[in-house]
Amino acid sequence: ESWRALARFTSPERWYHRLHRAEGYEVWLLTWLPGQGTEIHDHGGS
């Protein structure tokens, strides 16, 4: 109930939304249509 209504499914790019940011951490919501994905990546030291 705190995040579901925010979700959007978009194409061609994936959709993402920061739900919360506080000192030292953050929380994101990401959507993925069939066939969508990321490149190989890391998280810059996080």
ModelCIF file with pLDDT and N, C-alpha, C, O atoms, coordinates in Angstrom:
data_MODEL
#
_entry.id   MODEL 
#
_entity.id                         1 
_entity.type                       polymer 
_entity.pdbx_number_of_molecules   1 
#
_entity_poly.entity_id                      1 
_entity_poly.type                           'polypeptide(L)' 
_entity_poly.nstd_linkage                   no 
_entity_poly.nstd_monomer                   no 
_entity_poly.pdbx_seq_one_letter_code       ESWRALARFTSPERWYHRLHRAEGYEVWLLTWLPGQGTEIHDHGGS 
_entity_poly.pdbx_seq_one_letter_code_can   ESWRALARFTSPERWYHRLHRAEGYEVWLLTWLPGQGTEIHDHGGS 
_entity_poly.pdbx_strand_id                 A 
#
loop_
_entity_poly_seq.entity_id 
_entity_poly_seq.num 
_entity_poly_seq.mon_id 
_entity_poly_seq.hetero 
1 1  GLU n 
1 2  SER n 
1 3  TRP n 
1 4  ARG n 
1 5  ALA n 
1 6  LEU n 
1 7  ALA n 
1 8  ARG n 
1 9  PHE n 
1 10 THR n 
1 11 SER n 
1 12 PRO n 
1 13 GLU n 
1 14 ARG n 
1 15 TRP n 
1 16 TYR n 
1 17 HIS n 
1 18 ARG n 
1 19 LEU n 
1 20 HIS n 
1 21 ARG n 
1 22 ALA n 
1 23 GLU n 
1 24 GLY n 
1 25 TYR n 
1 26 GLU n 
1 27 VAL n 
1 28 TRP n 
1 29 LEU n 
1 30 LEU n 
1 31 THR n 
1 32 TRP n 
1 33 LEU n 
1 34 PRO n 
1 35 GLY n 
1 36 GLN n 
1 37 GLY n 
1 38 THR n 
1 39 GLU n 
1 40 ILE n 
1 41 HIS n 
1 42 ASP n 
1 43 HIS n 
1 44 GLY n 
1 45 GLY n 
1 46 SER n 
#
_struct_asym.id          A 
_struct_asym.entity_id   1 
#
loop_
_ma_qa_metric.id 
_ma_qa_metric.mode 
_ma_qa_metric.name 
_ma_qa_metric.software_group_id 
_ma_qa_metric.type 
1 global pLDDT . pLDDT 
2 local  pLDDT . pLDDT 
#
_ma_qa_metric_global.metric_id      1 
_ma_qa_metric_global.metric_value   96.57 
_ma_qa_metric_global.model_id       1 
_ma_qa_metric_global.ordinal_id     1 
#
loop_
_ma_qa_metric_local.label_asym_id 
_ma_qa_metric_local.label_comp_id 
_ma_qa_metric_local.label_seq_id 
_ma_qa_metric_local.metric_id 
_ma_qa_metric_local.metric_value 
_ma_qa_metric_local.model_id 
_ma_qa_metric_local.ordinal_id 
A GLU 1  2 97.00 1 1  
A SER 2  2 96.00 1 2  
A TRP 3  2 98.00 1 3  
A ARG 4  2 97.00 1 4  
A ALA 5  2 97.00 1 5  
A LEU 6  2 97.00 1 6  
A ALA 7  2 98.00 1 7  
A ARG 8  2 98.00 1 8  
A PHE 9  2 98.00 1 9  
A THR 10 2 97.00 1 10 
A SER 11 2 97.00 1 11 
A PRO 12 2 96.00 1 12 
A GLU 13 2 94.00 1 13 
A ARG 14 2 96.00 1 14 
A TRP 15 2 98.00 1 15 
A TYR 16 2 96.00 1 16 
A HIS 17 2 97.00 1 17 
A ARG 18 2 97.00 1 18 
A LEU 19 2 97.00 1 19 
A HIS 20 2 96.00 1 20 
A ARG 21 2 95.00 1 21 
A ALA 22 2 91.00 1 22 
A GLU 23 2 88.00 1 23 
A GLY 24 2 88.00 1 24 
A TYR 25 2 95.00 1 25 
A GLU 26 2 97.00 1 26 
A VAL 27 2 98.00 1 27 
A TRP 28 2 98.00 1 28 
A LEU 29 2 98.00 1 29 
A LEU 30 2 98.00 1 30 
A THR 31 2 98.00 1 31 
A TRP 32 2 98.00 1 32 
A LEU 33 2 98.00 1 33 
A PRO 34 2 98.00 1 34 
A GLY 35 2 98.00 1 35 
A GLN 36 2 98.00 1 36 
A GLY 37 2 98.00 1 37 
A THR 38 2 98.00 1 38 
A GLU 39 2 97.00 1 39 
A ILE 40 2 98.00 1 40 
A HIS 41 2 98.00 1 41 
A ASP 42 2 97.00 1 42 
A HIS 43 2 97.00 1 43 
A GLY 44 2 96.00 1 44 
A GLY 45 2 95.00 1 45 
A SER 46 2 97.00 1 46 
#
loop_
_atom_site.group_PDB 
_atom_site.id 
_atom_site.type_symbol 
_atom_site.label_atom_id 
_atom_site.label_alt_id 
_atom_site.label_comp_id 
_atom_site.label_asym_id 
_atom_site.label_entity_id 
_atom_site.label_seq_id 
_atom_site.pdbx_PDB_ins_code 
_atom_site.Cartn_x 
_atom_site.Cartn_y 
_atom_site.Cartn_z 
_atom_site.occupancy 
_atom_site.B_iso_or_equiv 
_atom_site.pdbx_formal_charge 
_atom_site.auth_seq_id 
_atom_site.auth_comp_id 
_atom_site.auth_asym_id 
_atom_site.auth_atom_id 
_atom_site.pdbx_PDB_model_num 
ATOM 1   N N  . GLU A 1 1  ? 0.823  -1.216 0.000   1.00 97.00 ? 1  GLU A N  1 
ATOM 2   C CA . GLU A 1 1  ? 0.000  0.000  0.000   1.00 97.00 ? 1  GLU A CA 1 
ATOM 3   C C  . GLU A 1 1  ? 0.855  1.262  0.000   1.00 97.00 ? 1  GLU A C  1 
ATOM 4   O O  . GLU A 1 1  ? 0.358  2.339  -0.331  1.00 97.00 ? 1  GLU A O  1 
ATOM 5   N N  . SER A 1 2  ? 2.134  1.150  0.366   1.00 96.00 ? 2  SER A N  1 
ATOM 6   C CA . SER A 1 2  ? 3.020  2.321  0.391   1.00 96.00 ? 2  SER A CA 1 
ATOM 7   C C  . SER A 1 2  ? 3.700  2.582  -0.958  1.00 96.00 ? 2  SER A C  1 
ATOM 8   O O  . SER A 1 2  ? 4.308  3.637  -1.136  1.00 96.00 ? 2  SER A O  1 
ATOM 9   N N  . TRP A 1 3  ? 3.611  1.640  -1.915  1.00 98.00 ? 3  TRP A N  1 
ATOM 10  C CA . TRP A 1 3  ? 4.325  1.814  -3.175  1.00 98.00 ? 3  TRP A CA 1 
ATOM 11  C C  . TRP A 1 3  ? 3.584  1.337  -4.415  1.00 98.00 ? 3  TRP A C  1 
ATOM 12  O O  . TRP A 1 3  ? 3.879  1.835  -5.501  1.00 98.00 ? 3  TRP A O  1 
ATOM 13  N N  . ARG A 1 4  ? 2.649  0.411  -4.325  1.00 97.00 ? 4  ARG A N  1 
ATOM 14  C CA . ARG A 1 4  ? 2.066  -0.223 -5.521  1.00 97.00 ? 4  ARG A CA 1 
ATOM 15  C C  . ARG A 1 4  ? 1.418  0.790  -6.472  1.00 97.00 ? 4  ARG A C  1 
ATOM 16  O O  . ARG A 1 4  ? 1.584  0.677  -7.686  1.00 97.00 ? 4  ARG A O  1 
ATOM 17  N N  . ALA A 1 5  ? 0.692  1.768  -5.950  1.00 97.00 ? 5  ALA A N  1 
ATOM 18  C CA . ALA A 1 5  ? -0.001 2.743  -6.805  1.00 97.00 ? 5  ALA A CA 1 
ATOM 19  C C  . ALA A 1 5  ? 0.976  3.642  -7.570  1.00 97.00 ? 5  ALA A C  1 
ATOM 20  O O  . ALA A 1 5  ? 0.585  4.288  -8.541  1.00 97.00 ? 5  ALA A O  1 
ATOM 21  N N  . LEU A 1 6  ? 2.230  3.688  -7.145  1.00 97.00 ? 6  LEU A N  1 
ATOM 22  C CA . LEU A 1 6  ? 3.235  4.516  -7.815  1.00 97.00 ? 6  LEU A CA 1 
ATOM 23  C C  . LEU A 1 6  ? 3.806  3.867  -9.071  1.00 97.00 ? 6  LEU A C  1 
ATOM 24  O O  . LEU A 1 6  ? 4.335  4.565  -9.936  1.00 97.00 ? 6  LEU A O  1 
ATOM 25  N N  . ALA A 1 7  ? 3.709  2.551  -9.186  1.00 98.00 ? 7  ALA A N  1 
ATOM 26  C CA . ALA A 1 7  ? 4.379  1.806  -10.257 1.00 98.00 ? 7  ALA A CA 1 
ATOM 27  C C  . ALA A 1 7  ? 3.842  2.180  -11.631 1.00 98.00 ? 7  ALA A C  1 
ATOM 28  O O  . ALA A 1 7  ? 2.637  2.338  -11.824 1.00 98.00 ? 7  ALA A O  1 
ATOM 29  N N  . ARG A 1 8  ? 4.758  2.318  -12.575 1.00 98.00 ? 8  ARG A N  1 
ATOM 30  C CA . ARG A 1 8  ? 4.452  2.602  -13.973 1.00 98.00 ? 8  ARG A CA 1 
ATOM 31  C C  . ARG A 1 8  ? 5.288  1.651  -14.829 1.00 98.00 ? 8  ARG A C  1 
ATOM 32  O O  . ARG A 1 8  ? 6.473  1.448  -14.564 1.00 98.00 ? 8  ARG A O  1 
ATOM 33  N N  . PHE A 1 9  ? 4.680  1.084  -15.832 1.00 98.00 ? 9  PHE A N  1 
ATOM 34  C CA . PHE A 1 9  ? 5.400  0.216  -16.760 1.00 98.00 ? 9  PHE A CA 1 
ATOM 35  C C  . PHE A 1 9  ? 5.560  0.978  -18.066 1.00 98.00 ? 9  PHE A C  1 
ATOM 36  O O  . PHE A 1 9  ? 4.574  1.334  -18.711 1.00 98.00 ? 9  PHE A O  1 
ATOM 37  N N  . THR A 1 10 ? 6.807  1.225  -18.453 1.00 97.00 ? 10 THR A N  1 
ATOM 38  C CA . THR A 1 10 ? 7.088  2.058  -19.620 1.00 97.00 ? 10 THR A CA 1 
ATOM 39  C C  . THR A 1 10 ? 8.009  1.324  -20.594 1.00 97.00 ? 10 THR A C  1 
ATOM 40  O O  . THR A 1 10 ? 8.750  0.416  -20.218 1.00 97.00 ? 10 THR A O  1 
ATOM 41  N N  . SER A 1 11 ? 7.938  1.743  -21.842 1.00 97.00 ? 11 SER A N  1 
ATOM 42  C CA . SER A 1 11 ? 8.785  1.174  -22.880 1.00 97.00 ? 11 SER A CA 1 
ATOM 43  C C  . SER A 1 11 ? 9.219  2.311  -23.796 1.00 97.00 ? 11 SER A C  1 
ATOM 44  O O  . SER A 1 11 ? 8.429  3.233  -24.000 1.00 97.00 ? 11 SER A O  1 
ATOM 45  N N  . PRO A 1 12 ? 10.405 2.305  -24.349 1.00 96.00 ? 12 PRO A N  1 
ATOM 46  C CA . PRO A 1 12 ? 11.357 1.206  -24.309 1.00 96.00 ? 12 PRO A CA 1 
ATOM 47  C C  . PRO A 1 12 ? 12.197 1.182  -23.037 1.00 96.00 ? 12 PRO A C  1 
ATOM 48  O O  . PRO A 1 12 ? 12.766 0.140  -22.710 1.00 96.00 ? 12 PRO A O  1 
ATOM 49  N N  . GLU A 1 13 ? 12.294 2.284  -22.313 1.00 94.00 ? 13 GLU A N  1 
ATOM 50  C CA . GLU A 1 13 ? 13.124 2.329  -21.102 1.00 94.00 ? 13 GLU A CA 1 
ATOM 51  C C  . GLU A 1 13 ? 12.365 1.801  -19.886 1.00 94.00 ? 13 GLU A C  1 
ATOM 52  O O  . GLU A 1 13 ? 11.154 1.986  -19.771 1.00 94.00 ? 13 GLU A O  1 
ATOM 53  N N  . ARG A 1 14 ? 13.080 1.151  -18.994 1.00 96.00 ? 14 ARG A N  1 
ATOM 54  C CA . ARG A 1 14 ? 12.497 0.718  -17.727 1.00 96.00 ? 14 ARG A CA 1 
ATOM 55  C C  . ARG A 1 14 ? 12.141 1.947  -16.892 1.00 96.00 ? 14 ARG A C  1 
ATOM 56  O O  . ARG A 1 14 ? 12.733 3.014  -17.056 1.00 96.00 ? 14 ARG A O  1 
ATOM 57  N N  . TRP A 1 15 ? 11.183 1.787  -16.012 1.00 98.00 ? 15 TRP A N  1 
ATOM 58  C CA . TRP A 1 15 ? 10.766 2.855  -15.112 1.00 98.00 ? 15 TRP A CA 1 
ATOM 59  C C  . TRP A 1 15 ? 11.352 2.575  -13.740 1.00 98.00 ? 15 TRP A C  1 
ATOM 60  O O  . TRP A 1 15 ? 11.434 1.420  -13.321 1.00 98.00 ? 15 TRP A O  1 
ATOM 61  N N  . TYR A 1 16 ? 11.764 3.631  -13.033 1.00 96.00 ? 16 TYR A N  1 
ATOM 62  C CA . TYR A 1 16 ? 12.260 3.494  -11.669 1.00 96.00 ? 16 TYR A CA 1 
ATOM 63  C C  . TYR A 1 16 ? 11.929 4.764  -10.904 1.00 96.00 ? 16 TYR A C  1 
ATOM 64  O O  . TYR A 1 16 ? 11.822 5.846  -11.480 1.00 96.00 ? 16 TYR A O  1 
ATOM 65  N N  . HIS A 1 17 ? 11.770 4.611  -9.599  1.00 97.00 ? 17 HIS A N  1 
ATOM 66  C CA . HIS A 1 17 ? 11.363 5.735  -8.755  1.00 97.00 ? 17 HIS A CA 1 
ATOM 67  C C  . HIS A 1 17 ? 11.975 5.571  -7.364  1.00 97.00 ? 17 HIS A C  1 
ATOM 68  O O  . HIS A 1 17 ? 11.850 4.516  -6.743  1.00 97.00 ? 17 HIS A O  1 
ATOM 69  N N  . ARG A 1 18 ? 12.635 6.618  -6.886  1.00 97.00 ? 18 ARG A N  1 
ATOM 70  C CA . ARG A 1 18 ? 13.166 6.578  -5.525  1.00 97.00 ? 18 ARG A CA 1 
ATOM 71  C C  . ARG A 1 18 ? 12.000 6.762  -4.560  1.00 97.00 ? 18 ARG A C  1 
ATOM 72  O O  . ARG A 1 18 ? 11.306 7.778  -4.600  1.00 97.00 ? 18 ARG A O  1 
ATOM 73  N N  . LEU A 1 19 ? 11.790 5.782  -3.701  1.00 97.00 ? 19 LEU A N  1 
ATOM 74  C CA . LEU A 1 19 ? 10.721 5.834  -2.708  1.00 97.00 ? 19 LEU A CA 1 
ATOM 75  C C  . LEU A 1 19 ? 11.126 6.609  -1.467  1.00 97.00 ? 19 LEU A C  1 
ATOM 76  O O  . LEU A 1 19 ? 10.308 7.287  -0.845  1.00 97.00 ? 19 LEU A O  1 
ATOM 77  N N  . HIS A 1 20 ? 12.400 6.499  -1.117  1.00 96.00 ? 20 HIS A N  1 
ATOM 78  C CA . HIS A 1 20 ? 12.843 7.083  0.143   1.00 96.00 ? 20 HIS A CA 1 
ATOM 79  C C  . HIS A 1 20 ? 14.358 7.269  0.123   1.00 96.00 ? 20 HIS A C  1 
ATOM 80  O O  . HIS A 1 20 ? 15.097 6.439  -0.406  1.00 96.00 ? 20 HIS A O  1 
ATOM 81  N N  . ARG A 1 21 ? 14.797 8.368  0.706   1.00 95.00 ? 21 ARG A N  1 
ATOM 82  C CA . ARG A 1 21 ? 16.230 8.595  0.894   1.00 95.00 ? 21 ARG A CA 1 
ATOM 83  C C  . ARG A 1 21 ? 16.421 9.167  2.285   1.00 95.00 ? 21 ARG A C  1 
ATOM 84  O O  . ARG A 1 21 ? 15.744 10.117 2.678   1.00 95.00 ? 21 ARG A O  1 
ATOM 85  N N  . ALA A 1 22 ? 17.340 8.588  3.018   1.00 91.00 ? 22 ALA A N  1 
ATOM 86  C CA . ALA A 1 22 ? 17.663 9.039  4.369   1.00 91.00 ? 22 ALA A CA 1 
ATOM 87  C C  . ALA A 1 22 ? 19.173 9.014  4.507   1.00 91.00 ? 22 ALA A C  1 
ATOM 88  O O  . ALA A 1 22 ? 19.883 8.598  3.591   1.00 91.00 ? 22 ALA A O  1 
ATOM 89  N N  . GLU A 1 23 ? 19.651 9.451  5.635   1.00 88.00 ? 23 GLU A N  1 
ATOM 90  C CA . GLU A 1 23 ? 21.094 9.450  5.843   1.00 88.00 ? 23 GLU A CA 1 
ATOM 91  C C  . GLU A 1 23 ? 21.637 8.028  5.696   1.00 88.00 ? 23 GLU A C  1 
ATOM 92  O O  . GLU A 1 23 ? 21.303 7.136  6.477   1.00 88.00 ? 23 GLU A O  1 
ATOM 93  N N  . GLY A 1 24 ? 22.467 7.838  4.695   1.00 88.00 ? 24 GLY A N  1 
ATOM 94  C CA . GLY A 1 24 ? 23.158 6.567  4.546   1.00 88.00 ? 24 GLY A CA 1 
ATOM 95  C C  . GLY A 1 24 ? 22.513 5.510  3.682   1.00 88.00 ? 24 GLY A C  1 
ATOM 96  O O  . GLY A 1 24 ? 23.166 4.518  3.360   1.00 88.00 ? 24 GLY A O  1 
ATOM 97  N N  . TYR A 1 25 ? 21.243 5.677  3.284   1.00 95.00 ? 25 TYR A N  1 
ATOM 98  C CA . TYR A 1 25 ? 20.625 4.648  2.438   1.00 95.00 ? 25 TYR A CA 1 
ATOM 99  C C  . TYR A 1 25 ? 19.465 5.233  1.652   1.00 95.00 ? 25 TYR A C  1 
ATOM 100 O O  . TYR A 1 25 ? 19.002 6.342  1.922   1.00 95.00 ? 25 TYR A O  1 
ATOM 101 N N  . GLU A 1 26 ? 19.002 4.457  0.666   1.00 97.00 ? 26 GLU A N  1 
ATOM 102 C CA . GLU A 1 26 ? 17.839 4.840  -0.126  1.00 97.00 ? 26 GLU A CA 1 
ATOM 103 C C  . GLU A 1 26 ? 17.102 3.592  -0.573  1.00 97.00 ? 26 GLU A C  1 
ATOM 104 O O  . GLU A 1 26 ? 17.658 2.494  -0.579  1.00 97.00 ? 26 GLU A O  1 
ATOM 105 N N  . VAL A 1 27 ? 15.826 3.777  -0.952  1.00 98.00 ? 27 VAL A N  1 
ATOM 106 C CA . VAL A 1 27 ? 14.968 2.674  -1.394  1.00 98.00 ? 27 VAL A CA 1 
ATOM 107 C C  . VAL A 1 27 ? 14.346 3.071  -2.728  1.00 98.00 ? 27 VAL A C  1 
ATOM 108 O O  . VAL A 1 27 ? 13.854 4.188  -2.889  1.00 98.00 ? 27 VAL A O  1 
ATOM 109 N N  . TRP A 1 28 ? 14.373 2.143  -3.682  1.00 98.00 ? 28 TRP A N  1 
ATOM 110 C CA . TRP A 1 28 ? 13.847 2.373  -5.032  1.00 98.00 ? 28 TRP A CA 1 
ATOM 111 C C  . TRP A 1 28 ? 12.802 1.320  -5.386  1.00 98.00 ? 28 TRP A C  1 
ATOM 112 O O  . TRP A 1 28 ? 12.828 0.198  -4.880  1.00 98.00 ? 28 TRP A O  1 
ATOM 113 N N  . LEU A 1 29 ? 11.877 1.710  -6.272  1.00 98.00 ? 29 LEU A N  1 
ATOM 114 C CA . LEU A 1 29 ? 10.912 0.803  -6.881  1.00 98.00 ? 29 LEU A CA 1 
ATOM 115 C C  . LEU A 1 29 ? 11.232 0.758  -8.373  1.00 98.00 ? 29 LEU A C  1 
ATOM 116 O O  . LEU A 1 29 ? 11.352 1.808  -9.004  1.00 98.00 ? 29 LEU A O  1 
ATOM 117 N N  . LEU A 1 30 ? 11.373 -0.444 -8.953  1.00 98.00 ? 30 LEU A N  1 
ATOM 118 C CA . LEU A 1 30 ? 11.699 -0.608 -10.362 1.00 98.00 ? 30 LEU A CA 1 
ATOM 119 C C  . LEU A 1 30 ? 10.671 -1.506 -11.029 1.00 98.00 ? 30 LEU A C  1 
ATOM 120 O O  . LEU A 1 30 ? 10.204 -2.477 -10.433 1.00 98.00 ? 30 LEU A O  1 
ATOM 121 N N  . THR A 1 31 ? 10.320 -1.178 -12.271 1.00 98.00 ? 31 THR A N  1 
ATOM 122 C CA . THR A 1 31 ? 9.422  -2.037 -13.035 1.00 98.00 ? 31 THR A CA 1 
ATOM 123 C C  . THR A 1 31 ? 10.173 -2.593 -14.235 1.00 98.00 ? 31 THR A C  1 
ATOM 124 O O  . THR A 1 31 ? 11.130 -1.998 -14.730 1.00 98.00 ? 31 THR A O  1 
ATOM 125 N N  . TRP A 1 32 ? 9.704  -3.765 -14.693 1.00 98.00 ? 32 TRP A N  1 
ATOM 126 C CA . TRP A 1 32 ? 10.381 -4.506 -15.755 1.00 98.00 ? 32 TRP A CA 1 
ATOM 127 C C  . TRP A 1 32 ? 9.336  -5.141 -16.658 1.00 98.00 ? 32 TRP A C  1 
ATOM 128 O O  . TRP A 1 32 ? 8.654  -6.076 -16.240 1.00 98.00 ? 32 TRP A O  1 
ATOM 129 N N  . LEU A 1 33 ? 9.195  -4.660 -17.877 1.00 98.00 ? 33 LEU A N  1 
ATOM 130 C CA . LEU A 1 33 ? 8.361  -5.338 -18.850 1.00 98.00 ? 33 LEU A CA 1 
ATOM 131 C C  . LEU A 1 33 ? 9.125  -6.537 -19.408 1.00 98.00 ? 33 LEU A C  1 
ATOM 132 O O  . LEU A 1 33 ? 10.352 -6.565 -19.325 1.00 98.00 ? 33 LEU A O  1 
ATOM 133 N N  . PRO A 1 34 ? 8.433  -7.527 -19.975 1.00 98.00 ? 34 PRO A N  1 
ATOM 134 C CA . PRO A 1 34 ? 9.156  -8.652 -20.581 1.00 98.00 ? 34 PRO A CA 1 
ATOM 135 C C  . PRO A 1 34 ? 10.206 -8.150 -21.573 1.00 98.00 ? 34 PRO A C  1 
ATOM 136 O O  . PRO A 1 34 ? 9.930  -7.298 -22.418 1.00 98.00 ? 34 PRO A O  1 
ATOM 137 N N  . GLY A 1 35 ? 11.404 -8.693 -21.450 1.00 98.00 ? 35 GLY A N  1 
ATOM 138 C CA . GLY A 1 35 ? 12.510 -8.333 -22.329 1.00 98.00 ? 35 GLY A CA 1 
ATOM 139 C C  . GLY A 1 35 ? 13.363 -7.178 -21.831 1.00 98.00 ? 35 GLY A C  1 
ATOM 140 O O  . GLY A 1 35 ? 14.451 -6.957 -22.363 1.00 98.00 ? 35 GLY A O  1 
ATOM 141 N N  . GLN A 1 36 ? 12.912 -6.437 -20.836 1.00 98.00 ? 36 GLN A N  1 
ATOM 142 C CA . GLN A 1 36 ? 13.715 -5.328 -20.314 1.00 98.00 ? 36 GLN A CA 1 
ATOM 143 C C  . GLN A 1 36 ? 14.760 -5.835 -19.327 1.00 98.00 ? 36 GLN A C  1 
ATOM 144 O O  . GLN A 1 36 ? 14.555 -6.836 -18.639 1.00 98.00 ? 36 GLN A O  1 
ATOM 145 N N  . GLY A 1 37 ? 15.880 -5.126 -19.273 1.00 98.00 ? 37 GLY A N  1 
ATOM 146 C CA . GLY A 1 37 ? 16.935 -5.514 -18.350 1.00 98.00 ? 37 GLY A CA 1 
ATOM 147 C C  . GLY A 1 37 ? 18.001 -4.448 -18.264 1.00 98.00 ? 37 GLY A C  1 
ATOM 148 O O  . GLY A 1 37 ? 17.928 -3.415 -18.929 1.00 98.00 ? 37 GLY A O  1 
ATOM 149 N N  . THR A 1 38 ? 18.973 -4.707 -17.451 1.00 98.00 ? 38 THR A N  1 
ATOM 150 C CA . THR A 1 38 ? 20.084 -3.784 -17.258 1.00 98.00 ? 38 THR A CA 1 
ATOM 151 C C  . THR A 1 38 ? 21.293 -4.246 -18.056 1.00 98.00 ? 38 THR A C  1 
ATOM 152 O O  . THR A 1 38 ? 21.351 -5.382 -18.527 1.00 98.00 ? 38 THR A O  1 
ATOM 153 N N  . GLU A 1 39 ? 22.235 -3.366 -18.195 1.00 97.00 ? 39 GLU A N  1 
ATOM 154 C CA . GLU A 1 39 ? 23.562 -3.743 -18.645 1.00 97.00 ? 39 GLU A CA 1 
ATOM 155 C C  . GLU A 1 39 ? 24.272 -4.366 -17.435 1.00 97.00 ? 39 GLU A C  1 
ATOM 156 O O  . GLU A 1 39 ? 23.760 -4.317 -16.317 1.00 97.00 ? 39 GLU A O  1 
ATOM 157 N N  . ILE A 1 40 ? 25.438 -4.943 -17.663 1.00 98.00 ? 40 ILE A N  1 
ATOM 158 C CA . ILE A 1 40 ? 26.265 -5.406 -16.546 1.00 98.00 ? 40 ILE A CA 1 
ATOM 159 C C  . ILE A 1 40 ? 26.725 -4.161 -15.802 1.00 98.00 ? 40 ILE A C  1 
ATOM 160 O O  . ILE A 1 40 ? 27.266 -3.237 -16.409 1.00 98.00 ? 40 ILE A O  1 
ATOM 161 N N  . HIS A 1 41 ? 26.513 -4.133 -14.492 1.00 98.00 ? 41 HIS A N  1 
ATOM 162 C CA . HIS A 1 41 ? 26.833 -2.934 -13.714 1.00 98.00 ? 41 HIS A CA 1 
ATOM 163 C C  . HIS A 1 41 ? 27.163 -3.279 -12.272 1.00 98.00 ? 41 HIS A C  1 
ATOM 164 O O  . HIS A 1 41 ? 26.851 -4.365 -11.785 1.00 98.00 ? 41 HIS A O  1 
ATOM 165 N N  . ASP A 1 42 ? 27.805 -2.322 -11.598 1.00 97.00 ? 42 ASP A N  1 
ATOM 166 C CA . ASP A 1 42 ? 27.930 -2.378 -10.144 1.00 97.00 ? 42 ASP A CA 1 
ATOM 167 C C  . ASP A 1 42 ? 27.252 -1.136 -9.601  1.00 97.00 ? 42 ASP A C  1 
ATOM 168 O O  . ASP A 1 42 ? 26.600 -0.404 -10.345 1.00 97.00 ? 42 ASP A O  1 
ATOM 169 N N  . HIS A 1 43 ? 27.401 -0.897 -8.319  1.00 97.00 ? 43 HIS A N  1 
ATOM 170 C CA . HIS A 1 43 ? 26.659 0.182  -7.663  1.00 97.00 ? 43 HIS A CA 1 
ATOM 171 C C  . HIS A 1 43 ? 27.586 1.245  -7.090  1.00 97.00 ? 43 HIS A C  1 
ATOM 172 O O  . HIS A 1 43 ? 27.275 1.888  -6.088  1.00 97.00 ? 43 HIS A O  1 
ATOM 173 N N  . GLY A 1 44 ? 28.728 1.416  -7.746  1.00 96.00 ? 44 GLY A N  1 
ATOM 174 C CA . GLY A 1 44 ? 29.627 2.513  -7.417  1.00 96.00 ? 44 GLY A CA 1 
ATOM 175 C C  . GLY A 1 44 ? 30.129 2.520  -5.987  1.00 96.00 ? 44 GLY A C  1 
ATOM 176 O O  . GLY A 1 44 ? 30.371 3.589  -5.426  1.00 96.00 ? 44 GLY A O  1 
ATOM 177 N N  . GLY A 1 45 ? 30.290 1.356  -5.388  1.00 95.00 ? 45 GLY A N  1 
ATOM 178 C CA . GLY A 1 45 ? 30.788 1.282  -4.015  1.00 95.00 ? 45 GLY A CA 1 
ATOM 179 C C  . GLY A 1 45 ? 29.705 1.154  -2.961  1.00 95.00 ? 45 GLY A C  1 
ATOM 180 O O  . GLY A 1 45 ? 30.018 1.075  -1.773  1.00 95.00 ? 45 GLY A O  1 
ATOM 181 N N  . SER A 1 46 ? 28.438 1.130  -3.361  1.00 97.00 ? 46 SER A N  1 
ATOM 182 C CA . SER A 1 46 ? 27.341 0.940  -2.406  1.00 97.00 ? 46 SER A CA 1 
ATOM 183 C C  . SER A 1 46 ? 27.014 -0.540 -2.287  1.00 97.00 ? 46 SER A C  1 
ATOM 184 O O  . SER A 1 46 ? 26.118 -0.916 -1.532  1.00 97.00 ? 46 SER A O  1 
#
